[in-house]
Amino acid sequence: MKIYGIKTCGSVKKAIKFFNENSIEFDFIDFKKTSVEEKTINSWLKKVSIDTLFNNRGTKYRTLKLKDLNLDDAGKKEWLIKENMLIKRPVIEFQNDVIVAFDEEKYKEIFS
């Protein structure tokens, strides 16, 4: 299992804490150190919608003033590839699935 995110993100911290408390092993990929490649984003988008993956509530979204651009799905994908900090966190690759964001109840259902 892989967890993608940044260590300072509250949702990522909660996810890591959940997995550690439940003795679930994972590899952590830090967006700040390793960029997520286009092929990885494309594979995620086969399993989750662009709106699930695209973070339009974060600081980076506001800083870049992306709301003013009225991005369509292609535009959002382009920005995700260019600026990984727009990816909603955490992104978890588990078996053949992709889980986005922290949801403790969902995690208990999937991982327990």
C-alpha atoms as a PDB file:
ATOM      1  CA  MET A   1       0.000   0.000   0.000  1.00  0.00           C
ATOM      2  CA  LYS A   2       1.173   3.509  -0.800  1.00  0.00           C
ATOM      3  CA  ILE A   3       0.110   6.768   0.814  1.00  0.00           C
ATOM      4  CA  TYR A   4       0.723   9.983  -1.128  1.00  0.00           C
ATOM      5  CA  GLY A   5       0.639  13.359   0.589  1.00  0.00           C
ATOM      6  CA  ILE A   6       2.682  15.809   2.620  1.00  0.00           C
ATOM      7  CA  LYS A   7       3.725  15.256   6.221  1.00  0.00           C
ATOM      8  CA  THR A   8       2.359  18.593   7.431  1.00  0.00           C
ATOM      9  CA  CYS A   9      -1.191  17.940   6.163  1.00  0.00           C
ATOM     10  CA  GLY A  10      -3.700  17.252   8.941  1.00  0.00           C
ATOM     11  CA  SER A  11      -5.584  14.609   6.942  1.00  0.00           C
ATOM     12  CA  VAL A  12      -2.351  12.818   6.057  1.00  0.00           C
ATOM     13  CA  LYS A  13      -1.299  12.838   9.726  1.00  0.00           C
ATOM     14  CA  LYS A  14      -4.651  11.280  10.701  1.00  0.00           C
ATOM     15  CA  ALA A  15      -4.312   8.601   8.016  1.00  0.00           C
ATOM     16  CA  ILE A  16      -0.753   7.715   9.065  1.00  0.00           C
ATOM     17  CA  LYS A  17      -1.836   7.580  12.703  1.00  0.00           C
ATOM     18  CA  PHE A  18      -4.732   5.267  11.772  1.00  0.00           C
ATOM     19  CA  PHE A  19      -2.444   2.881   9.868  1.00  0.00           C
ATOM     20  CA  ASN A  20       0.226   2.905  12.569  1.00  0.00           C
ATOM     21  CA  GLU A  21      -2.341   2.247  15.332  1.00  0.00           C
ATOM     22  CA  ASN A  22      -3.758  -0.658  13.309  1.00  0.00           C
ATOM     23  CA  SER A  23      -0.304  -2.073  12.456  1.00  0.00           C
ATOM     24  CA  ILE A  24      -0.875  -1.655   8.724  1.00  0.00           C
ATOM     25  CA  GLU A  25       2.325  -1.302   6.715  1.00  0.00           C
ATOM     26  CA  PHE A  26       2.592   1.349   4.022  1.00  0.00           C
ATOM     27  CA  ASP A  27       5.053   3.291   1.912  1.00  0.00           C
ATOM     28  CA  PHE A  28       4.781   7.073   2.180  1.00  0.00           C
ATOM     29  CA  ILE A  29       5.409   9.235  -0.874  1.00  0.00           C
ATOM     30  CA  ASP A  30       5.874  12.909  -0.007  1.00  0.00           C
ATOM     31  CA  PHE A  31       4.679  15.300  -2.760  1.00  0.00           C
ATOM     32  CA  LYS A  32       7.279  17.828  -1.644  1.00  0.00           C
ATOM     33  CA  LYS A  33      10.142  15.398  -2.286  1.00  0.00           C
ATOM     34  CA  THR A  34       8.815  13.255  -5.139  1.00  0.00           C
ATOM     35  CA  SER A  35       6.491  14.610  -7.778  1.00  0.00           C
ATOM     36  CA  VAL A  36       3.590  12.485  -8.865  1.00  0.00           C
ATOM     37  CA  GLU A  37       3.979  11.665 -12.540  1.00  0.00           C
ATOM     38  CA  GLU A  38       1.302  12.153 -15.170  1.00  0.00           C
ATOM     39  CA  LYS A  39       0.923   8.381 -15.664  1.00  0.00           C
ATOM     40  CA  THR A  40       0.179   7.943 -11.938  1.00  0.00           C
ATOM     41  CA  ILE A  41      -2.426  10.721 -12.006  1.00  0.00           C
ATOM     42  CA  ASN A  42      -3.968   9.152 -15.127  1.00  0.00           C
ATOM     43  CA  SER A  43      -4.190   5.775 -13.395  1.00  0.00           C
ATOM     44  CA  TRP A  44      -5.896   7.397 -10.380  1.00  0.00           C
ATOM     45  CA  LEU A  45      -8.367   9.157 -12.669  1.00  0.00           C
ATOM     46  CA  LYS A  46      -9.469   5.771 -14.025  1.00  0.00           C
ATOM     47  CA  LYS A  47     -10.640   4.953 -10.495  1.00  0.00           C
ATOM     48  CA  VAL A  48     -11.785   8.292  -9.031  1.00  0.00           C
ATOM     49  CA  SER A  49     -13.293  11.413 -10.577  1.00  0.00           C
ATOM     50  CA  ILE A  50     -11.285  14.563 -11.232  1.00  0.00           C
ATOM     51  CA  ASP A  51     -13.461  16.383  -8.687  1.00  0.00           C
ATOM     52  CA  THR A  52     -12.546  13.813  -6.026  1.00  0.00           C
ATOM     53  CA  LEU A  53      -8.840  14.217  -6.734  1.00  0.00           C
ATOM     54  CA  PHE A  54      -8.675  17.993  -7.339  1.00  0.00           C
ATOM     55  CA  ASN A  55      -8.404  20.060  -4.156  1.00  0.00           C
ATOM     56  CA  ASN A  56     -10.297  23.297  -4.733  1.00  0.00           C
ATOM     57  CA  ARG A  57     -10.271  24.238  -1.045  1.00  0.00           C
ATOM     58  CA  GLY A  58      -6.561  24.395  -0.338  1.00  0.00           C
ATOM     59  CA  THR A  59      -4.136  27.243  -0.013  1.00  0.00           C
ATOM     60  CA  LYS A  60      -2.436  26.462  -3.342  1.00  0.00           C
ATOM     61  CA  TYR A  61      -5.784  26.691  -5.186  1.00  0.00           C
ATOM     62  CA  ARG A  62      -6.450  30.110  -3.663  1.00  0.00           C
ATOM     63  CA  THR A  63      -2.869  31.346  -4.149  1.00  0.00           C
ATOM     64  CA  LEU A  64      -2.947  30.447  -7.841  1.00  0.00           C
ATOM     65  CA  LYS A  65      -6.408  32.089  -8.176  1.00  0.00           C
ATOM     66  CA  LEU A  66      -7.668  29.040 -10.080  1.00  0.00           C
ATOM     67  CA  LYS A  67     -11.292  29.788  -9.222  1.00  0.00           C
ATOM     68  CA  ASP A  68     -11.074  32.731 -11.632  1.00  0.00           C
ATOM     69  CA  LEU A  69     -10.129  30.358 -14.476  1.00  0.00           C
ATOM     70  CA  ASN A  70     -13.337  28.275 -14.327  1.00  0.00           C
ATOM     71  CA  LEU A  71     -11.357  25.135 -15.121  1.00  0.00           C
ATOM     72  CA  ASP A  72     -12.967  22.247 -16.966  1.00  0.00           C
ATOM     73  CA  ASP A  73     -11.866  18.650 -16.285  1.00  0.00           C
ATOM     74  CA  ALA A  74      -8.993  18.860 -18.777  1.00  0.00           C
ATOM     75  CA  GLY A  75      -7.794  22.095 -17.180  1.00  0.00           C
ATOM     76  CA  LYS A  76      -7.966  20.576 -13.696  1.00  0.00           C
ATOM     77  CA  LYS A  77      -5.971  17.548 -14.856  1.00  0.00           C
ATOM     78  CA  GLU A  78      -3.355  19.814 -16.438  1.00  0.00           C
ATOM     79  CA  TRP A  79      -2.986  21.710 -13.150  1.00  0.00           C
ATOM     80  CA  LEU A  80      -2.778  18.488 -11.092  1.00  0.00           C
ATOM     81  CA  ILE A  81       0.148  17.349 -13.226  1.00  0.00           C
ATOM     82  CA  LYS A  82       1.848  20.738 -13.066  1.00  0.00           C
ATOM     83  CA  GLU A  83       1.200  21.404  -9.361  1.00  0.00           C
ATOM     84  CA  ASN A  84       0.933  18.317  -7.128  1.00  0.00           C
ATOM     85  CA  MET A  85      -0.120  20.423  -4.150  1.00  0.00           C
ATOM     86  CA  LEU A  86      -3.550  20.620  -5.819  1.00  0.00           C
ATOM     87  CA  ILE A  87      -4.063  16.889  -5.254  1.00  0.00           C
ATOM     88  CA  LYS A  88      -6.496  16.193  -2.429  1.00  0.00           C
ATOM     89  CA  ARG A  89      -4.719  14.319   0.351  1.00  0.00           C
ATOM     90  CA  PRO A  90      -4.026  11.649   1.255  1.00  0.00           C
ATOM     91  CA  VAL A  91      -4.227   9.483  -1.838  1.00  0.00           C
ATOM     92  CA  ILE A  92      -3.979   5.797  -0.976  1.00  0.00           C
ATOM     93  CA  GLU A  93      -3.215   3.065  -3.466  1.00  0.00           C
ATOM     94  CA  PHE A  94      -4.494  -0.169  -1.957  1.00  0.00           C
ATOM     95  CA  GLN A  95      -4.741  -3.405  -3.901  1.00  0.00           C
ATOM     96  CA  ASN A  96      -6.362  -2.263  -7.135  1.00  0.00           C
ATOM     97  CA  ASP A  97      -8.156   0.732  -5.655  1.00  0.00           C
ATOM     98  CA  VAL A  98      -7.559   4.426  -4.972  1.00  0.00           C
ATOM     99  CA  ILE A  99      -8.921   6.061  -1.817  1.00  0.00           C
ATOM    100  CA  VAL A 100      -8.802   9.857  -1.552  1.00  0.00           C
ATOM    101  CA  ALA A 101      -9.049  11.905   1.671  1.00  0.00           C
ATOM    102  CA  PHE A 102      -9.247  10.774   5.279  1.00  0.00           C
ATOM    103  CA  ASP A 103     -12.452   9.085   6.410  1.00  0.00           C
ATOM    104  CA  GLU A 104     -11.972   6.986   9.533  1.00  0.00           C
ATOM    105  CA  GLU A 105     -15.225   5.032   9.112  1.00  0.00           C
ATOM    106  CA  LYS A 106     -14.394   4.200   5.507  1.00  0.00           C
ATOM    107  CA  TYR A 107     -10.863   3.211   6.526  1.00  0.00           C
ATOM    108  CA  LYS A 108     -12.223   0.854   9.225  1.00  0.00           C
ATOM    109  CA  GLU A 109     -14.516  -0.720   6.626  1.00  0.00           C
ATOM    110  CA  ILE A 110     -11.752  -1.193   4.033  1.00  0.00           C
ATOM    111  CA  PHE A 111      -8.700  -1.973   6.170  1.00  0.00           C
ATOM    112  CA  SER A 112     -10.051  -3.798   9.252  1.00  0.00           C
END
